[in-house]
C-alpha atoms as a PDB file:
ATOM      1  CA  MET A   1     -13.758 -18.042  -3.591  1.00  0.00           C
ATOM      2  CA  THR A   2     -10.356 -18.157  -2.047  1.00  0.00           C
ATOM      3  CA  ARG A   3      -8.216 -15.023  -3.116  1.00  0.00           C
ATOM      4  CA  HIS A   4      -4.486 -14.455  -3.011  1.00  0.00           C
ATOM      5  CA  THR A   5      -3.422 -11.096  -1.382  1.00  0.00           C
ATOM      6  CA  LEU A   6      -0.092  -9.204  -1.520  1.00  0.00           C
ATOM      7  CA  LEU A   7       0.081  -7.342   1.652  1.00  0.00           C
ATOM      8  CA  VAL A   8       2.553  -4.507   1.475  1.00  0.00           C
ATOM      9  CA  VAL A   9       3.672  -3.033   4.792  1.00  0.00           C
ATOM     10  CA  ALA A  10       5.648   0.226   4.859  1.00  0.00           C
ATOM     11  CA  HIS A  11       6.751   1.402   8.274  1.00  0.00           C
ATOM     12  CA  PRO A  12      10.438   1.007   9.947  1.00  0.00           C
ATOM     13  CA  ARG A  13       9.277  -0.268  13.433  1.00  0.00           C
ATOM     14  CA  PRO A  14       7.395  -3.637  13.776  1.00  0.00           C
ATOM     15  CA  ASP A  15       5.524  -2.383  16.666  1.00  0.00           C
ATOM     16  CA  SER A  16       4.047   0.426  14.819  1.00  0.00           C
ATOM     17  CA  LEU A  17       0.333   0.904  14.500  1.00  0.00           C
ATOM     18  CA  THR A  18       0.706   0.340  11.009  1.00  0.00           C
ATOM     19  CA  ALA A  19       2.358  -2.906  11.460  1.00  0.00           C
ATOM     20  CA  GLN A  20      -0.497  -3.871  14.190  1.00  0.00           C
ATOM     21  CA  ILE A  21      -3.134  -2.995  11.287  1.00  0.00           C
ATOM     22  CA  ALA A  22      -1.317  -4.930   8.601  1.00  0.00           C
ATOM     23  CA  GLY A  23      -1.050  -8.080  11.385  1.00  0.00           C
ATOM     24  CA  ARG A  24      -4.871  -7.819  11.920  1.00  0.00           C
ATOM     25  CA  GLN A  25      -5.414  -8.007   8.402  1.00  0.00           C
ATOM     26  CA  TYR A  26      -3.033 -10.936   7.670  1.00  0.00           C
ATOM     27  CA  ALA A  27      -4.956 -12.852  10.545  1.00  0.00           C
ATOM     28  CA  ARG A  28      -8.396 -11.894   9.170  1.00  0.00           C
ATOM     29  CA  LEU A  29      -7.690 -12.645   5.641  1.00  0.00           C
ATOM     30  CA  THR A  30      -5.929 -15.969   6.501  1.00  0.00           C
ATOM     31  CA  GLY A  31      -8.882 -16.779   9.190  1.00  0.00           C
ATOM     32  CA  GLU A  32     -11.215 -16.431   6.079  1.00  0.00           C
ATOM     33  CA  GLY A  33      -9.425 -19.162   4.054  1.00  0.00           C
ATOM     34  CA  HIS A  34      -7.533 -16.684   1.977  1.00  0.00           C
ATOM     35  CA  THR A  35      -3.555 -16.699   1.311  1.00  0.00           C
ATOM     36  CA  VAL A  36      -1.495 -13.706   1.966  1.00  0.00           C
ATOM     37  CA  ASP A  37       2.111 -12.844   0.944  1.00  0.00           C
ATOM     38  CA  VAL A  38       3.298 -10.309   3.591  1.00  0.00           C
ATOM     39  CA  LEU A  39       5.791  -7.981   2.022  1.00  0.00           C
ATOM     40  CA  ASP A  40       7.216  -5.889   4.681  1.00  0.00           C
ATOM     41  CA  LEU A  41       9.645  -3.253   2.818  1.00  0.00           C
ATOM     42  CA  TYR A  42      11.738  -2.261   5.896  1.00  0.00           C
ATOM     43  CA  ALA A  43      11.957  -5.920   7.225  1.00  0.00           C
ATOM     44  CA  GLU A  44      12.953  -7.023   3.604  1.00  0.00           C
ATOM     45  CA  GLU A  45      15.709  -4.655   3.557  1.00  0.00           C
ATOM     46  CA  PHE A  46      14.093  -3.341   0.086  1.00  0.00           C
ATOM     47  CA  ASP A  47      16.484  -0.871  -1.481  1.00  0.00           C
ATOM     48  CA  PRO A  48      14.064   2.014  -2.473  1.00  0.00           C
ATOM     49  CA  ALA A  49      16.858   3.798  -4.412  1.00  0.00           C
ATOM     50  CA  LEU A  50      16.306   3.850  -8.317  1.00  0.00           C
ATOM     51  CA  ARG A  51      19.498   2.887 -10.064  1.00  0.00           C
ATOM     52  CA  PRO A  52      20.565   2.619 -13.696  1.00  0.00           C
ATOM     53  CA  ALA A  53      19.484  -1.340 -13.744  1.00  0.00           C
ATOM     54  CA  ASP A  54      15.889  -0.140 -12.884  1.00  0.00           C
ATOM     55  CA  GLU A  55      15.327   3.091 -14.878  1.00  0.00           C
ATOM     56  CA  PRO A  56      13.146   2.746 -17.667  1.00  0.00           C
ATOM     57  CA  ASP A  57      14.124   2.237 -21.436  1.00  0.00           C
ATOM     58  CA  TRP A  58      11.663   4.143 -23.479  1.00  0.00           C
ATOM     59  CA  GLU A  59      12.896   2.334 -26.518  1.00  0.00           C
ATOM     60  CA  ASP A  60      12.644  -1.114 -24.977  1.00  0.00           C
ATOM     61  CA  ARG A  61       9.553  -2.197 -22.962  1.00  0.00           C
ATOM     62  CA  GLU A  62      11.048  -5.660 -22.538  1.00  0.00           C
ATOM     63  CA  LYS A  63      14.105  -4.558 -20.681  1.00  0.00           C
ATOM     64  CA  ARG A  64      15.248  -6.921 -17.881  1.00  0.00           C
ATOM     65  CA  TYR A  65      15.413  -5.101 -14.644  1.00  0.00           C
ATOM     66  CA  SER A  66      17.427  -6.136 -11.538  1.00  0.00           C
ATOM     67  CA  PRO A  67      16.508  -9.439 -10.100  1.00  0.00           C
ATOM     68  CA  GLU A  68      15.230  -7.678  -7.004  1.00  0.00           C
ATOM     69  CA  ALA A  69      12.696  -5.869  -8.835  1.00  0.00           C
ATOM     70  CA  HIS A  70      11.787  -8.830 -11.145  1.00  0.00           C
ATOM     71  CA  ALA A  71      11.207 -11.073  -7.716  1.00  0.00           C
ATOM     72  CA  HIS A  72       8.750  -8.255  -6.734  1.00  0.00           C
ATOM     73  CA  MET A  73       6.892  -8.268  -9.880  1.00  0.00           C
ATOM     74  CA  GLU A  74       6.165 -11.740  -9.835  1.00  0.00           C
ATOM     75  CA  ARG A  75       4.757 -11.256  -6.348  1.00  0.00           C
ATOM     76  CA  ILE A  76       2.403  -8.681  -7.650  1.00  0.00           C
ATOM     77  CA  LEU A  77       1.467 -10.687 -10.590  1.00  0.00           C
ATOM     78  CA  ALA A  78       0.498 -13.694  -8.284  1.00  0.00           C
ATOM     79  CA  ALA A  79      -1.788 -11.533  -6.388  1.00  0.00           C
ATOM     80  CA  ASP A  80      -5.753 -11.028  -6.877  1.00  0.00           C
ATOM     81  CA  ASP A  81      -5.731  -8.210  -4.430  1.00  0.00           C
ATOM     82  CA  ILE A  82      -3.143  -5.830  -3.206  1.00  0.00           C
ATOM     83  CA  LEU A  83      -3.452  -4.091   0.135  1.00  0.00           C
ATOM     84  CA  VAL A  84      -0.964  -1.427   0.928  1.00  0.00           C
ATOM     85  CA  VAL A  85      -0.928  -0.325   4.427  1.00  0.00           C
ATOM     86  CA  PHE A  86       1.344   2.859   5.204  1.00  0.00           C
ATOM     87  CA  PRO A  87       1.558   6.058   7.452  1.00  0.00           C
ATOM     88  CA  VAL A  88       1.336   9.375   5.642  1.00  0.00           C
ATOM     89  CA  TRP A  89       4.415  11.623   5.943  1.00  0.00           C
ATOM     90  CA  TRP A  90       4.684  14.947   4.343  1.00  0.00           C
ATOM     91  CA  PHE A  91       1.186  14.535   2.609  1.00  0.00           C
ATOM     92  CA  GLY A  92       2.448  11.530   0.930  1.00  0.00           C
ATOM     93  CA  PRO A  93       3.634   7.972   1.023  1.00  0.00           C
ATOM     94  CA  PRO A  94       7.081   7.015   3.091  1.00  0.00           C
ATOM     95  CA  ALA A  95       9.972   7.202   0.765  1.00  0.00           C
ATOM     96  CA  MET A  96      10.421   3.508   1.179  1.00  0.00           C
ATOM     97  CA  LEU A  97       7.145   2.848  -0.578  1.00  0.00           C
ATOM     98  CA  LYS A  98       7.601   5.370  -3.146  1.00  0.00           C
ATOM     99  CA  GLY A  99      10.883   3.859  -3.997  1.00  0.00           C
ATOM    100  CA  TRP A 100       9.110   0.530  -4.410  1.00  0.00           C
ATOM    101  CA  ILE A 101       6.578   2.136  -7.058  1.00  0.00           C
ATOM    102  CA  ASP A 102       9.570   3.634  -8.864  1.00  0.00           C
ATOM    103  CA  ARG A 103      11.581   0.564  -9.029  1.00  0.00           C
ATOM    104  CA  VAL A 104       8.932  -2.106  -9.435  1.00  0.00           C
ATOM    105  CA  TRP A 105       5.916  -0.479 -10.793  1.00  0.00           C
ATOM    106  CA  ASN A 106       8.144  -0.028 -14.031  1.00  0.00           C
ATOM    107  CA  TYR A 107       7.643   0.571 -17.649  1.00  0.00           C
ATOM    108  CA  GLY A 108       6.751  -2.491 -19.524  1.00  0.00           C
ATOM    109  CA  PHE A 109       5.557  -4.206 -16.420  1.00  0.00           C
ATOM    110  CA  ALA A 110       3.017  -1.806 -14.857  1.00  0.00           C
ATOM    111  CA  TYR A 111       2.500   0.479 -17.645  1.00  0.00           C
ATOM    112  CA  GLY A 112       3.447   0.915 -21.269  1.00  0.00           C
ATOM    113  CA  ARG A 113       1.400  -2.011 -22.714  1.00  0.00           C
ATOM    114  CA  SER A 114      -2.031  -2.028 -24.535  1.00  0.00           C
ATOM    115  CA  ARG A 115      -3.117  -4.770 -22.335  1.00  0.00           C
ATOM    116  CA  PRO A 116      -2.122  -3.704 -18.906  1.00  0.00           C
ATOM    117  CA  ARG A 117      -0.560  -6.624 -17.005  1.00  0.00           C
ATOM    118  CA  LEU A 118      -2.141  -5.573 -13.833  1.00  0.00           C
ATOM    119  CA  ALA A 119      -5.699  -5.174 -15.052  1.00  0.00           C
ATOM    120  CA  GLY A 120      -8.218  -6.946 -12.986  1.00  0.00           C
ATOM    121  CA  LYS A 121      -6.516  -6.876  -9.810  1.00  0.00           C
ATOM    122  CA  ARG A 122      -8.197  -5.043  -6.972  1.00  0.00           C
ATOM    123  CA  LEU A 123      -5.919  -2.451  -5.084  1.00  0.00           C
ATOM    124  CA  LEU A 124      -6.387  -0.658  -1.732  1.00  0.00           C
ATOM    125  CA  TRP A 125      -4.102   2.064  -0.428  1.00  0.00           C
ATOM    126  CA  LEU A 126      -4.894   2.287   3.554  1.00  0.00           C
ATOM    127  CA  ALA A 127      -3.371   5.347   4.562  1.00  0.00           C
ATOM    128  CA  LEU A 128      -3.004   6.364   8.112  1.00  0.00           C
ATOM    129  CA  MET A 129      -2.983  10.087   9.133  1.00  0.00           C
ATOM    130  CA  GLY A 130      -2.420  11.412  12.370  1.00  0.00           C
ATOM    131  CA  GLY A 131      -4.818  14.119  12.293  1.00  0.00           C
ATOM    132  CA  THR A 132      -8.366  14.301  12.820  1.00  0.00           C
ATOM    133  CA  ALA A 133     -10.650  13.915   9.842  1.00  0.00           C
ATOM    134  CA  GLN A 134     -11.458  17.769  10.182  1.00  0.00           C
ATOM    135  CA  GLU A 135      -7.914  18.592  10.518  1.00  0.00           C
ATOM    136  CA  ILE A 136      -7.180  16.570   7.371  1.00  0.00           C
ATOM    137  CA  GLU A 137     -10.050  18.078   5.550  1.00  0.00           C
ATOM    138  CA  ASP A 138      -9.004  21.687   6.350  1.00  0.00           C
ATOM    139  CA  LEU A 139      -5.442  20.574   4.967  1.00  0.00           C
ATOM    140  CA  GLY A 140      -6.635  19.050   1.609  1.00  0.00           C
ATOM    141  CA  MET A 141      -4.414  16.065   2.210  1.00  0.00           C
ATOM    142  CA  GLU A 142      -7.014  13.412   1.085  1.00  0.00           C
ATOM    143  CA  PRO A 143      -7.642  14.971  -2.213  1.00  0.00           C
ATOM    144  CA  ALA A 144      -3.794  15.262  -2.852  1.00  0.00           C
ATOM    145  CA  LEU A 145      -3.029  11.870  -1.780  1.00  0.00           C
ATOM    146  CA  ASP A 146      -6.145  10.463  -3.903  1.00  0.00           C
ATOM    147  CA  LEU A 147      -4.403  12.177  -6.795  1.00  0.00           C
ATOM    148  CA  MET A 148      -1.118  10.758  -6.437  1.00  0.00           C
ATOM    149  CA  LEU A 149      -2.306   7.273  -5.576  1.00  0.00           C
ATOM    150  CA  ARG A 150      -5.610   6.559  -7.168  1.00  0.00           C
ATOM    151  CA  VAL A 151      -5.098   8.519 -10.656  1.00  0.00           C
ATOM    152  CA  GLY A 152      -1.388   8.941 -10.794  1.00  0.00           C
ATOM    153  CA  ILE A 153      -0.470   5.476 -10.135  1.00  0.00           C
ATOM    154  CA  SER A 154      -3.225   3.081 -10.092  1.00  0.00           C
ATOM    155  CA  LYS A 155      -5.179   4.339 -12.959  1.00  0.00           C
ATOM    156  CA  PHE A 156      -2.147   5.042 -15.144  1.00  0.00           C
ATOM    157  CA  CYS A 157      -1.269   1.226 -14.611  1.00  0.00           C
ATOM    158  CA  GLY A 158      -4.592   0.008 -15.492  1.00  0.00           C
ATOM    159  CA  LEU A 159      -6.317  -0.164 -12.188  1.00  0.00           C
ATOM    160  CA  PRO A 160      -9.143   2.225 -12.512  1.00  0.00           C
ATOM    161  CA  ASP A 161     -11.021   0.696  -9.607  1.00  0.00           C
ATOM    162  CA  ALA A 162      -8.165   1.197  -7.027  1.00  0.00           C
ATOM    163  CA  THR A 163      -9.307   3.034  -3.742  1.00  0.00           C
ATOM    164  CA  VAL A 164      -7.714   5.073  -1.420  1.00  0.00           C
ATOM    165  CA  GLY A 165      -8.759   4.415   2.175  1.00  0.00           C
ATOM    166  CA  VAL A 166      -8.014   6.628   5.203  1.00  0.00           C
ATOM    167  CA  VAL A 167      -7.746   5.975   9.084  1.00  0.00           C
ATOM    168  CA  HIS A 168      -7.613   9.196  10.722  1.00  0.00           C
ATOM    169  CA  GLY A 169      -6.585  10.258  14.149  1.00  0.00           C
ATOM    170  CA  THR A 170      -3.485   7.644  14.610  1.00  0.00           C
ATOM    171  CA  GLU A 171      -1.431   9.916  16.445  1.00  0.00           C
ATOM    172  CA  LEU A 172      -1.336   8.496  20.135  1.00  0.00           C
ATOM    173  CA  ASN A 173       1.034  11.130  21.665  1.00  0.00           C
ATOM    174  CA  GLY A 174      -2.009  13.150  23.191  1.00  0.00           C
ATOM    175  CA  VAL A 175      -3.773   9.774  24.462  1.00  0.00           C
ATOM    176  CA  ALA A 176      -3.107   9.003  27.845  1.00  0.00           C
ATOM    177  CA  LYS A 177      -1.083   5.995  28.276  1.00  0.00           C
ATOM    178  CA  ASP A 178      -3.603   3.937  30.133  1.00  0.00           C
ATOM    179  CA  LEU A 179      -5.947   4.883  27.374  1.00  0.00           C
ATOM    180  CA  ARG A 180      -3.789   3.883  24.478  1.00  0.00           C
ATOM    181  CA  ALA A 181      -4.816   0.341  24.154  1.00  0.00           C
ATOM    182  CA  ASP A 182      -8.397   1.051  23.820  1.00  0.00           C
ATOM    183  CA  ARG A 183      -7.625   3.736  21.045  1.00  0.00           C
ATOM    184  CA  VAL A 184      -5.385   1.336  19.126  1.00  0.00           C
ATOM    185  CA  ALA A 185      -8.200  -1.206  19.378  1.00  0.00           C
ATOM    186  CA  GLU A 186     -10.650   1.490  17.879  1.00  0.00           C
ATOM    187  CA  LEU A 187      -8.332   2.255  15.252  1.00  0.00           C
ATOM    188  CA  ILE A 188      -7.828  -1.239  14.179  1.00  0.00           C
ATOM    189  CA  ALA A 189     -11.401  -1.721  14.194  1.00  0.00           C
ATOM    190  CA  THR A 190     -11.882   1.204  11.853  1.00  0.00           C
ATOM    191  CA  ALA A 191      -8.968  -0.081   9.557  1.00  0.00           C
ATOM    192  CA  ASP A 192     -11.109  -3.194   9.192  1.00  0.00           C
ATOM    193  CA  ARG A 193     -14.093  -1.290   8.376  1.00  0.00           C
ATOM    194  CA  VAL A 194     -12.207   0.556   5.468  1.00  0.00           C
ATOM    195  CA  VAL A 195     -10.496  -2.615   4.017  1.00  0.00           C
ATOM    196  CA  LEU A 196     -13.816  -4.333   3.873  1.00  0.00           C
ATOM    197  CA  GLU A 197     -15.498  -1.354   2.102  1.00  0.00           C
ATOM    198  CA  GLY A 198     -12.460  -1.096  -0.514  1.00  0.00           C
ATOM    199  CA  LEU A 199     -11.865  -4.737  -0.606  1.00  0.00           C
ATOM    200  CA  PRO A 200     -15.312  -6.587  -0.125  1.00  0.00           C
ATOM    201  CA  ARG A 201     -15.476 -10.157  -0.181  1.00  0.00           C
END
């Protein structure tokens, strides 16, 4: 069955590992006959700042938010699957991605209804972490990120089966330049496995 994926990318550099992994997922999905809407937050110059037009009105869940926010809401509604690819900075997602959640996953749309509008969609947060699996475990980063994304956002918005997948060891500064291409290929292959586990076909 053909599925439609909203592929959200949150990294400022188009040549980043985040962008390369997102590009690989786009190629894989479209190669399998699925459709993909690529939402590159930086390339589209999304404004992550929450302003009054997009501030929730707790007395009016039908509030009409800004045109930009509503355009993004429509892209979310059109998707069967949502795949968000991002680096982890300061134990959390980039401000750009957090701002997207603040402005678009808003009251009356993503939450605040007896029948959640996003129910039934599959969601995978694909987090890229620089440290090794052991370093990340020692810091307690994964449970913190899982609590924020899977519970605090996904479950709260009617997506109880959302998954947080992690690719470890994405820091390339310690890898010799002549070995980096092979390391990037390994990381992309790891991301493939994580995505297929989180969003099985």
